[in-house]
Amino acid sequence: MNKLESDNFDIVLLDRDCKQGGSFYALDLSKFNPDKIISISAIPEYNNKAISEGVKSVSWKNWNDIDGWSNDVMRQIGMRVDKIMQKLA
């Protein structure tokens, strides 16, 4: 994604603890509107790092309540989709 010239995404789910080496290294946060990013890590320091980089939305991944967590992520995505639809109307 770092090769992109500009922000071409409506929503970005950022999971720092990905199996490919960490998303902070794969995604240049400066190229994306922080309002479009949702940090979804189970590790507090990773979500805090995202916040320090300008990300405004966090959904703490809770392995003890994975359904509650997924509902929170879907709620946040839904809010963004609603905003996008309002702009298109």
PDB file of N, CA and C in Angstrom:
ATOM      1  N   MET A   1       0.806  -1.194   0.000  1.00  0.00           N
ATOM      2  CA  MET A   1       0.000   0.000   0.000  1.00  0.00           C
ATOM      3  C   MET A   1       0.851   1.261   0.000  1.00  0.00           C
ATOM      4  N   ASN A   2       2.066   1.178   0.405  1.00  0.00           N
ATOM      5  CA  ASN A   2       2.896   2.373   0.455  1.00  0.00           C
ATOM      6  C   ASN A   2       3.185   2.947  -0.919  1.00  0.00           C
ATOM      7  N   LYS A   3       2.973   2.164  -1.986  1.00  0.00           N
ATOM      8  CA  LYS A   3       3.245   2.648  -3.331  1.00  0.00           C
ATOM      9  C   LYS A   3       2.128   3.534  -3.861  1.00  0.00           C
ATOM     10  N   LEU A   4       0.988   3.565  -3.183  1.00  0.00           N
ATOM     11  CA  LEU A   4      -0.120   4.396  -3.629  1.00  0.00           C
ATOM     12  C   LEU A   4       0.239   5.862  -3.481  1.00  0.00           C
ATOM     13  N   GLU A   5      -0.195   6.645  -4.453  1.00  0.00           N
ATOM     14  CA  GLU A   5       0.060   8.080  -4.421  1.00  0.00           C
ATOM     15  C   GLU A   5      -0.810   8.790  -3.389  1.00  0.00           C
ATOM     16  N   SER A   6      -2.044   8.300  -3.210  1.00  0.00           N
ATOM     17  CA  SER A   6      -2.962   8.999  -2.308  1.00  0.00           C
ATOM     18  C   SER A   6      -3.910   8.006  -1.638  1.00  0.00           C
ATOM     19  N   ASP A   7      -4.767   8.549  -0.798  1.00  0.00           N
ATOM     20  CA  ASP A   7      -5.740   7.807  -0.017  1.00  0.00           C
ATOM     21  C   ASP A   7      -6.897   7.372  -0.917  1.00  0.00           C
ATOM     22  N   ASN A   8      -6.919   6.107  -1.312  1.00  0.00           N
ATOM     23  CA  ASN A   8      -7.956   5.599  -2.202  1.00  0.00           C
ATOM     24  C   ASN A   8      -8.938   4.668  -1.503  1.00  0.00           C
ATOM     25  N   PHE A   9      -8.959   4.661  -0.195  1.00  0.00           N
ATOM     26  CA  PHE A   9      -9.791   3.733   0.552  1.00  0.00           C
ATOM     27  C   PHE A   9     -10.816   4.495   1.376  1.00  0.00           C
ATOM     28  N   ASP A  10     -11.989   3.892   1.545  1.00  0.00           N
ATOM     29  CA  ASP A  10     -13.013   4.484   2.389  1.00  0.00           C
ATOM     30  C   ASP A  10     -12.836   4.068   3.848  1.00  0.00           C
ATOM     31  N   ILE A  11     -12.360   2.847   4.076  1.00  0.00           N
ATOM     32  CA  ILE A  11     -12.165   2.317   5.423  1.00  0.00           C
ATOM     33  C   ILE A  11     -10.914   1.440   5.423  1.00  0.00           C
ATOM     34  N   VAL A  12     -10.101   1.581   6.467  1.00  0.00           N
ATOM     35  CA  VAL A  12      -8.920   0.738   6.636  1.00  0.00           C
ATOM     36  C   VAL A  12      -8.991   0.116   8.030  1.00  0.00           C
ATOM     37  N   LEU A  13      -8.949  -1.223   8.106  1.00  0.00           N
ATOM     38  CA  LEU A  13      -8.844  -1.926   9.386  1.00  0.00           C
ATOM     39  C   LEU A  13      -7.370  -2.204   9.618  1.00  0.00           C
ATOM     40  N   LEU A  14      -6.849  -1.685  10.705  1.00  0.00           N
ATOM     41  CA  LEU A  14      -5.419  -1.775  10.996  1.00  0.00           C
ATOM     42  C   LEU A  14      -5.190  -2.719  12.161  1.00  0.00           C
ATOM     43  N   ASP A  15      -4.638  -3.890  11.874  1.00  0.00           N
ATOM     44  CA  ASP A  15      -4.293  -4.856  12.917  1.00  0.00           C
ATOM     45  C   ASP A  15      -2.774  -4.950  12.960  1.00  0.00           C
ATOM     46  N   ARG A  16      -2.171  -4.318  13.924  1.00  0.00           N
ATOM     47  CA  ARG A  16      -0.712  -4.226  14.014  1.00  0.00           C
ATOM     48  C   ARG A  16      -0.037  -5.585  14.088  1.00  0.00           C
ATOM     49  N   ASP A  17      -0.669  -6.531  14.713  1.00  0.00           N
ATOM     50  CA  ASP A  17      -0.057  -7.836  14.938  1.00  0.00           C
ATOM     51  C   ASP A  17      -0.369  -8.812  13.806  1.00  0.00           C
ATOM     52  N   CYS A  18      -0.235  -8.349  12.575  1.00  0.00           N
ATOM     53  CA  CYS A  18      -0.502  -9.235  11.451  1.00  0.00           C
ATOM     54  C   CYS A  18       0.682 -10.186  11.249  1.00  0.00           C
ATOM     55  N   LYS A  19       0.453 -11.255  10.563  1.00  0.00           N
ATOM     56  CA  LYS A  19       1.462 -12.308  10.410  1.00  0.00           C
ATOM     57  C   LYS A  19       2.519 -11.991   9.355  1.00  0.00           C
ATOM     58  N   GLN A  20       2.377 -10.834   8.688  1.00  0.00           N
ATOM     59  CA  GLN A  20       3.319 -10.481   7.629  1.00  0.00           C
ATOM     60  C   GLN A  20       4.343  -9.453   8.086  1.00  0.00           C
ATOM     61  N   GLY A  21       4.479  -9.256   9.372  1.00  0.00           N
ATOM     62  CA  GLY A  21       5.537  -8.384   9.844  1.00  0.00           C
ATOM     63  C   GLY A  21       5.087  -7.109  10.507  1.00  0.00           C
ATOM     64  N   GLY A  22       3.813  -6.917  10.680  1.00  0.00           N
ATOM     65  CA  GLY A  22       3.352  -5.720  11.378  1.00  0.00           C
ATOM     66  C   GLY A  22       2.849  -4.663  10.430  1.00  0.00           C
ATOM     67  N   SER A  23       1.648  -4.221  10.629  1.00  0.00           N
ATOM     68  CA  SER A  23       1.011  -3.303   9.697  1.00  0.00           C
ATOM     69  C   SER A  23       1.621  -1.917   9.694  1.00  0.00           C
ATOM     70  N   PHE A  24       2.240  -1.474  10.793  1.00  0.00           N
ATOM     71  CA  PHE A  24       2.848  -0.150  10.785  1.00  0.00           C
ATOM     72  C   PHE A  24       3.995  -0.090   9.779  1.00  0.00           C
ATOM     73  N   TYR A  25       4.532  -1.215   9.436  1.00  0.00           N
ATOM     74  CA  TYR A  25       5.606  -1.262   8.447  1.00  0.00           C
ATOM     75  C   TYR A  25       5.055  -1.428   7.039  1.00  0.00           C
ATOM     76  N   ALA A  26       3.843  -1.983   6.908  1.00  0.00           N
ATOM     77  CA  ALA A  26       3.242  -2.219   5.601  1.00  0.00           C
ATOM     78  C   ALA A  26       2.346  -1.065   5.154  1.00  0.00           C
ATOM     79  N   LEU A  27       1.937  -0.228   6.078  1.00  0.00           N
ATOM     80  CA  LEU A  27       1.017   0.858   5.765  1.00  0.00           C
ATOM     81  C   LEU A  27       1.612   2.185   6.217  1.00  0.00           C
ATOM     82  N   ASP A  28       1.779   3.077   5.279  1.00  0.00           N
ATOM     83  CA  ASP A  28       2.264   4.415   5.598  1.00  0.00           C
ATOM     84  C   ASP A  28       1.067   5.247   6.054  1.00  0.00           C
ATOM     85  N   LEU A  29       0.912   5.389   7.368  1.00  0.00           N
ATOM     86  CA  LEU A  29      -0.253   6.078   7.922  1.00  0.00           C
ATOM     87  C   LEU A  29      -0.365   7.519   7.465  1.00  0.00           C
ATOM     88  N   SER A  30       0.730   8.133   7.085  1.00  0.00           N
ATOM     89  CA  SER A  30       0.681   9.528   6.655  1.00  0.00           C
ATOM     90  C   SER A  30      -0.064   9.701   5.331  1.00  0.00           C
ATOM     91  N   LYS A  31      -0.274   8.618   4.591  1.00  0.00           N
ATOM     92  CA  LYS A  31      -0.964   8.691   3.307  1.00  0.00           C
ATOM     93  C   LYS A  31      -2.472   8.500   3.430  1.00  0.00           C
ATOM     94  N   PHE A  32      -2.961   8.282   4.654  1.00  0.00           N
ATOM     95  CA  PHE A  32      -4.369   7.976   4.839  1.00  0.00           C
ATOM     96  C   PHE A  32      -5.022   8.945   5.803  1.00  0.00           C
ATOM     97  N   ASN A  33      -6.255   9.279   5.525  1.00  0.00           N
ATOM     98  CA  ASN A  33      -7.044  10.103   6.425  1.00  0.00           C
ATOM     99  C   ASN A  33      -7.272   9.294   7.704  1.00  0.00           C
ATOM    100  N   PRO A  34      -6.821   9.782   8.859  1.00  0.00           N
ATOM    101  CA  PRO A  34      -6.955   9.010  10.096  1.00  0.00           C
ATOM    102  C   PRO A  34      -8.404   8.720  10.472  1.00  0.00           C
ATOM    103  N   ASP A  35      -9.354   9.500   9.925  1.00  0.00           N
ATOM    104  CA  ASP A  35     -10.769   9.236  10.191  1.00  0.00           C
ATOM    105  C   ASP A  35     -11.248   7.961   9.513  1.00  0.00           C
ATOM    106  N   LYS A  36     -10.483   7.474   8.548  1.00  0.00           N
ATOM    107  CA  LYS A  36     -10.867   6.268   7.819  1.00  0.00           C
ATOM    108  C   LYS A  36     -10.275   4.995   8.422  1.00  0.00           C
ATOM    109  N   ILE A  37      -9.403   5.132   9.401  1.00  0.00           N
ATOM    110  CA  ILE A  37      -8.691   3.978   9.960  1.00  0.00           C
ATOM    111  C   ILE A  37      -9.316   3.556  11.279  1.00  0.00           C
ATOM    112  N   ILE A  38      -9.490   2.236  11.452  1.00  0.00           N
ATOM    113  CA  ILE A  38      -9.920   1.652  12.717  1.00  0.00           C
ATOM    114  C   ILE A  38      -8.824   0.688  13.155  1.00  0.00           C
ATOM    115  N   SER A  39      -8.199   0.964  14.282  1.00  0.00           N
ATOM    116  CA  SER A  39      -7.181   0.063  14.835  1.00  0.00           C
ATOM    117  C   SER A  39      -7.905  -1.055  15.586  1.00  0.00           C
ATOM    118  N   ILE A  40      -7.538  -2.309  15.325  1.00  0.00           N
ATOM    119  CA  ILE A  40      -8.295  -3.444  15.871  1.00  0.00           C
ATOM    120  C   ILE A  40      -7.416  -4.451  16.609  1.00  0.00           C
ATOM    121  N   SER A  41      -6.424  -4.000  17.305  1.00  0.00           N
ATOM    122  CA  SER A  41      -5.502  -4.910  17.977  1.00  0.00           C
ATOM    123  C   SER A  41      -6.006  -5.332  19.355  1.00  0.00           C
ATOM    124  N   ALA A  42      -5.580  -6.512  19.775  1.00  0.00           N
ATOM    125  CA  ALA A  42      -5.835  -6.991  21.141  1.00  0.00           C
ATOM    126  C   ALA A  42      -4.751  -6.503  22.092  1.00  0.00           C
ATOM    127  N   ILE A  43      -3.701  -5.926  21.546  1.00  0.00           N
ATOM    128  CA  ILE A  43      -2.553  -5.518  22.349  1.00  0.00           C
ATOM    129  C   ILE A  43      -2.620  -4.003  22.561  1.00  0.00           C
ATOM    130  N   PRO A  44      -2.834  -3.562  23.813  1.00  0.00           N
ATOM    131  CA  PRO A  44      -3.019  -2.133  24.083  1.00  0.00           C
ATOM    132  C   PRO A  44      -1.920  -1.244  23.505  1.00  0.00           C
ATOM    133  N   GLU A  45      -0.671  -1.656  23.590  1.00  0.00           N
ATOM    134  CA  GLU A  45       0.401  -0.786  23.093  1.00  0.00           C
ATOM    135  C   GLU A  45       0.301  -0.562  21.591  1.00  0.00           C
ATOM    136  N   TYR A  46      -0.228  -1.520  20.843  1.00  0.00           N
ATOM    137  CA  TYR A  46      -0.383  -1.341  19.399  1.00  0.00           C
ATOM    138  C   TYR A  46      -1.494  -0.336  19.091  1.00  0.00           C
ATOM    139  N   ASN A  47      -2.623  -0.429  19.807  1.00  0.00           N
ATOM    140  CA  ASN A  47      -3.690   0.554  19.614  1.00  0.00           C
ATOM    141  C   ASN A  47      -3.228   1.934  20.065  1.00  0.00           C
ATOM    142  N   ASN A  48      -2.493   1.994  21.153  1.00  0.00           N
ATOM    143  CA  ASN A  48      -1.970   3.279  21.625  1.00  0.00           C
ATOM    144  C   ASN A  48      -1.000   3.879  20.613  1.00  0.00           C
ATOM    145  N   LYS A  49      -0.199   3.044  19.976  1.00  0.00           N
ATOM    146  CA  LYS A  49       0.722   3.514  18.931  1.00  0.00           C
ATOM    147  C   LYS A  49      -0.073   4.091  17.759  1.00  0.00           C
ATOM    148  N   ALA A  50      -1.158   3.398  17.386  1.00  0.00           N
ATOM    149  CA  ALA A  50      -1.998   3.899  16.296  1.00  0.00           C
ATOM    150  C   ALA A  50      -2.582   5.263  16.665  1.00  0.00           C
ATOM    151  N   ILE A  51      -3.044   5.401  17.900  1.00  0.00           N
ATOM    152  CA  ILE A  51      -3.583   6.677  18.360  1.00  0.00           C
ATOM    153  C   ILE A  51      -2.506   7.756  18.304  1.00  0.00           C
ATOM    154  N   SER A  52      -1.305   7.419  18.733  1.00  0.00           N
ATOM    155  CA  SER A  52      -0.217   8.406  18.699  1.00  0.00           C
ATOM    156  C   SER A  52       0.152   8.794  17.269  1.00  0.00           C
ATOM    157  N   GLU A  53      -0.182   7.930  16.307  1.00  0.00           N
ATOM    158  CA  GLU A  53       0.077   8.223  14.894  1.00  0.00           C
ATOM    159  C   GLU A  53      -1.088   8.956  14.231  1.00  0.00           C
ATOM    160  N   GLY A  54      -2.151   9.261  15.023  1.00  0.00           N
ATOM    161  CA  GLY A  54      -3.269  10.039  14.492  1.00  0.00           C
ATOM    162  C   GLY A  54      -4.560   9.283  14.282  1.00  0.00           C
ATOM    163  N   VAL A  55      -4.540   7.964  14.459  1.00  0.00           N
ATOM    164  CA  VAL A  55      -5.760   7.169  14.306  1.00  0.00           C
ATOM    165  C   VAL A  55      -6.721   7.550  15.426  1.00  0.00           C
ATOM    166  N   LYS A  56      -7.987   7.775  15.074  1.00  0.00           N
ATOM    167  CA  LYS A  56      -8.960   8.239  16.055  1.00  0.00           C
ATOM    168  C   LYS A  56      -9.908   7.145  16.536  1.00  0.00           C
ATOM    169  N   SER A  57     -10.023   6.044  15.800  1.00  0.00           N
ATOM    170  CA  SER A  57     -10.964   4.981  16.171  1.00  0.00           C
ATOM    171  C   SER A  57     -10.224   3.703  16.509  1.00  0.00           C
ATOM    172  N   VAL A  58     -10.611   3.133  17.642  1.00  0.00           N
ATOM    173  CA  VAL A  58      -9.988   1.892  18.114  1.00  0.00           C
ATOM    174  C   VAL A  58     -11.090   0.937  18.530  1.00  0.00           C
ATOM    175  N   SER A  59     -10.929  -0.325  18.180  1.00  0.00           N
ATOM    176  CA  SER A  59     -11.803  -1.372  18.687  1.00  0.00           C
ATOM    177  C   SER A  59     -10.892  -2.430  19.296  1.00  0.00           C
ATOM    178  N   TRP A  60     -10.834  -2.458  20.631  1.00  0.00           N
ATOM    179  CA  TRP A  60      -9.947  -3.378  21.339  1.00  0.00           C
ATOM    180  C   TRP A  60     -10.420  -4.809  21.113  1.00  0.00           C
ATOM    181  N   LYS A  61      -9.605  -5.602  20.442  1.00  0.00           N
ATOM    182  CA  LYS A  61      -9.951  -7.002  20.172  1.00  0.00           C
ATOM    183  C   LYS A  61      -9.918  -7.773  21.483  1.00  0.00           C
ATOM    184  N   ASN A  62     -11.072  -8.292  21.857  1.00  0.00           N
ATOM    185  CA  ASN A  62     -11.214  -9.021  23.114  1.00  0.00           C
ATOM    186  C   ASN A  62     -11.465 -10.488  22.800  1.00  0.00           C
ATOM    187  N   TRP A  63     -10.455 -11.319  22.999  1.00  0.00           N
ATOM    188  CA  TRP A  63     -10.592 -12.744  22.688  1.00  0.00           C
ATOM    189  C   TRP A  63     -11.604 -13.435  23.593  1.00  0.00           C
ATOM    190  N   ASN A  64     -11.895 -12.849  24.751  1.00  0.00           N
ATOM    191  CA  ASN A  64     -12.899 -13.426  25.652  1.00  0.00           C
ATOM    192  C   ASN A  64     -14.318 -13.067  25.244  1.00  0.00           C
ATOM    193  N   ASP A  65     -14.468 -12.084  24.377  1.00  0.00           N
ATOM    194  CA  ASP A  65     -15.781 -11.667  23.869  1.00  0.00           C
ATOM    195  C   ASP A  65     -15.641 -11.305  22.399  1.00  0.00           C
ATOM    196  N   ILE A  66     -15.282 -12.283  21.596  1.00  0.00           N
ATOM    197  CA  ILE A  66     -15.014 -12.030  20.183  1.00  0.00           C
ATOM    198  C   ILE A  66     -16.273 -11.563  19.444  1.00  0.00           C
ATOM    199  N   ASP A  67     -17.444 -12.036  19.883  1.00  0.00           N
ATOM    200  CA  ASP A  67     -18.685 -11.580  19.251  1.00  0.00           C
ATOM    201  C   ASP A  67     -18.947 -10.108  19.565  1.00  0.00           C
ATOM    202  N   GLY A  68     -18.720  -9.701  20.800  1.00  0.00           N
ATOM    203  CA  GLY A  68     -18.885  -8.298  21.171  1.00  0.00           C
ATOM    204  C   GLY A  68     -17.918  -7.414  20.412  1.00  0.00           C
ATOM    205  N   TRP A  69     -16.680  -7.893  20.291  1.00  0.00           N
ATOM    206  CA  TRP A  69     -15.681  -7.132  19.543  1.00  0.00           C
ATOM    207  C   TRP A  69     -16.081  -7.000  18.075  1.00  0.00           C
ATOM    208  N   SER A  70     -16.495  -8.104  17.462  1.00  0.00           N
ATOM    209  CA  SER A  70     -16.866  -8.038  16.043  1.00  0.00           C
ATOM    210  C   SER A  70     -18.081  -7.139  15.843  1.00  0.00           C
ATOM    211  N   ASN A  71     -19.009  -7.147  16.793  1.00  0.00           N
ATOM    212  CA  ASN A  71     -20.156  -6.238  16.705  1.00  0.00           C
ATOM    213  C   ASN A  71     -19.696  -4.779  16.768  1.00  0.00           C
ATOM    214  N   ASP A  72     -18.711  -4.486  17.606  1.00  0.00           N
ATOM    215  CA  ASP A  72     -18.180  -3.128  17.701  1.00  0.00           C
ATOM    216  C   ASP A  72     -17.517  -2.708  16.392  1.00  0.00           C
ATOM    217  N   VAL A  73     -16.738  -3.604  15.790  1.00  0.00           N
ATOM    218  CA  VAL A  73     -16.099  -3.289  14.510  1.00  0.00           C
ATOM    219  C   VAL A  73     -17.158  -3.030  13.445  1.00  0.00           C
ATOM    220  N   MET A  74     -18.178  -3.880  13.406  1.00  0.00           N
ATOM    221  CA  MET A  74     -19.249  -3.697  12.414  1.00  0.00           C
ATOM    222  C   MET A  74     -20.007  -2.391  12.655  1.00  0.00           C
ATOM    223  N   ARG A  75     -20.199  -2.013  13.909  1.00  0.00           N
ATOM    224  CA  ARG A  75     -20.866  -0.751  14.236  1.00  0.00           C
ATOM    225  C   ARG A  75     -20.039   0.424  13.707  1.00  0.00           C
ATOM    226  N   GLN A  76     -18.726   0.366  13.942  1.00  0.00           N
ATOM    227  CA  GLN A  76     -17.869   1.453  13.475  1.00  0.00           C
ATOM    228  C   GLN A  76     -17.822   1.518  11.951  1.00  0.00           C
ATOM    229  N   ILE A  77     -17.786   0.370  11.307  1.00  0.00           N
ATOM    230  CA  ILE A  77     -17.817   0.343   9.837  1.00  0.00           C
ATOM    231  C   ILE A  77     -19.146   0.912   9.352  1.00  0.00           C
ATOM    232  N   GLY A  78     -20.233   0.500   9.986  1.00  0.00           N
ATOM    233  CA  GLY A  78     -21.559   0.985   9.600  1.00  0.00           C
ATOM    234  C   GLY A  78     -21.673   2.501   9.697  1.00  0.00           C
ATOM    235  N   MET A  79     -21.104   3.082  10.747  1.00  0.00           N
ATOM    236  CA  MET A  79     -21.130   4.538  10.902  1.00  0.00           C
ATOM    237  C   MET A  79     -20.398   5.206   9.742  1.00  0.00           C
ATOM    238  N   ARG A  80     -19.289   4.637   9.329  1.00  0.00           N
ATOM    239  CA  ARG A  80     -18.534   5.221   8.217  1.00  0.00           C
ATOM    240  C   ARG A  80     -19.276   5.065   6.898  1.00  0.00           C
ATOM    241  N   VAL A  81     -19.894   3.909   6.690  1.00  0.00           N
ATOM    242  CA  VAL A  81     -20.669   3.695   5.473  1.00  0.00           C
ATOM    243  C   VAL A  81     -21.830   4.682   5.425  1.00  0.00           C
ATOM    244  N   ASP A  82     -22.497   4.906   6.569  1.00  0.00           N
ATOM    245  CA  ASP A  82     -23.580   5.886   6.611  1.00  0.00           C
ATOM    246  C   ASP A  82     -23.107   7.269   6.191  1.00  0.00           C
ATOM    247  N   LYS A  83     -21.930   7.676   6.684  1.00  0.00           N
ATOM    248  CA  LYS A  83     -21.372   8.994   6.308  1.00  0.00           C
ATOM    249  C   LYS A  83     -21.080   9.070   4.815  1.00  0.00           C
ATOM    250  N   ILE A  84     -20.543   7.983   4.270  1.00  0.00           N
ATOM    251  CA  ILE A  84     -20.235   7.945   2.839  1.00  0.00           C
ATOM    252  C   ILE A  84     -21.526   8.057   2.027  1.00  0.00           C
ATOM    253  N   MET A  85     -22.545   7.330   2.439  1.00  0.00           N
ATOM    254  CA  MET A  85     -23.824   7.362   1.727  1.00  0.00           C
ATOM    255  C   MET A  85     -24.466   8.737   1.804  1.00  0.00           C
ATOM    256  N   GLN A  86     -24.351   9.408   2.944  1.00  0.00           N
ATOM    257  CA  GLN A  86     -24.908  10.750   3.084  1.00  0.00           C
ATOM    258  C   GLN A  86     -24.226  11.725   2.125  1.00  0.00           C
ATOM    259  N   LYS A  87     -22.916  11.569   1.942  1.00  0.00           N
ATOM    260  CA  LYS A  87     -22.189  12.439   1.021  1.00  0.00           C
ATOM    261  C   LYS A  87     -22.612  12.186  -0.417  1.00  0.00           C
ATOM    262  N   LEU A  88     -22.982  10.947  -0.738  1.00  0.00           N
ATOM    263  CA  LEU A  88     -23.370  10.600  -2.097  1.00  0.00           C
ATOM    264  C   LEU A  88     -24.806  11.001  -2.415  1.00  0.00           C
ATOM    265  N   ALA A  89     -25.603  11.200  -1.369  1.00  0.00           N
ATOM    266  CA  ALA A  89     -27.038  11.508  -1.585  1.00  0.00           C
ATOM    267  C   ALA A  89     -27.242  12.926  -2.058  1.00  0.00           C
TER     268      ALA A  89
END
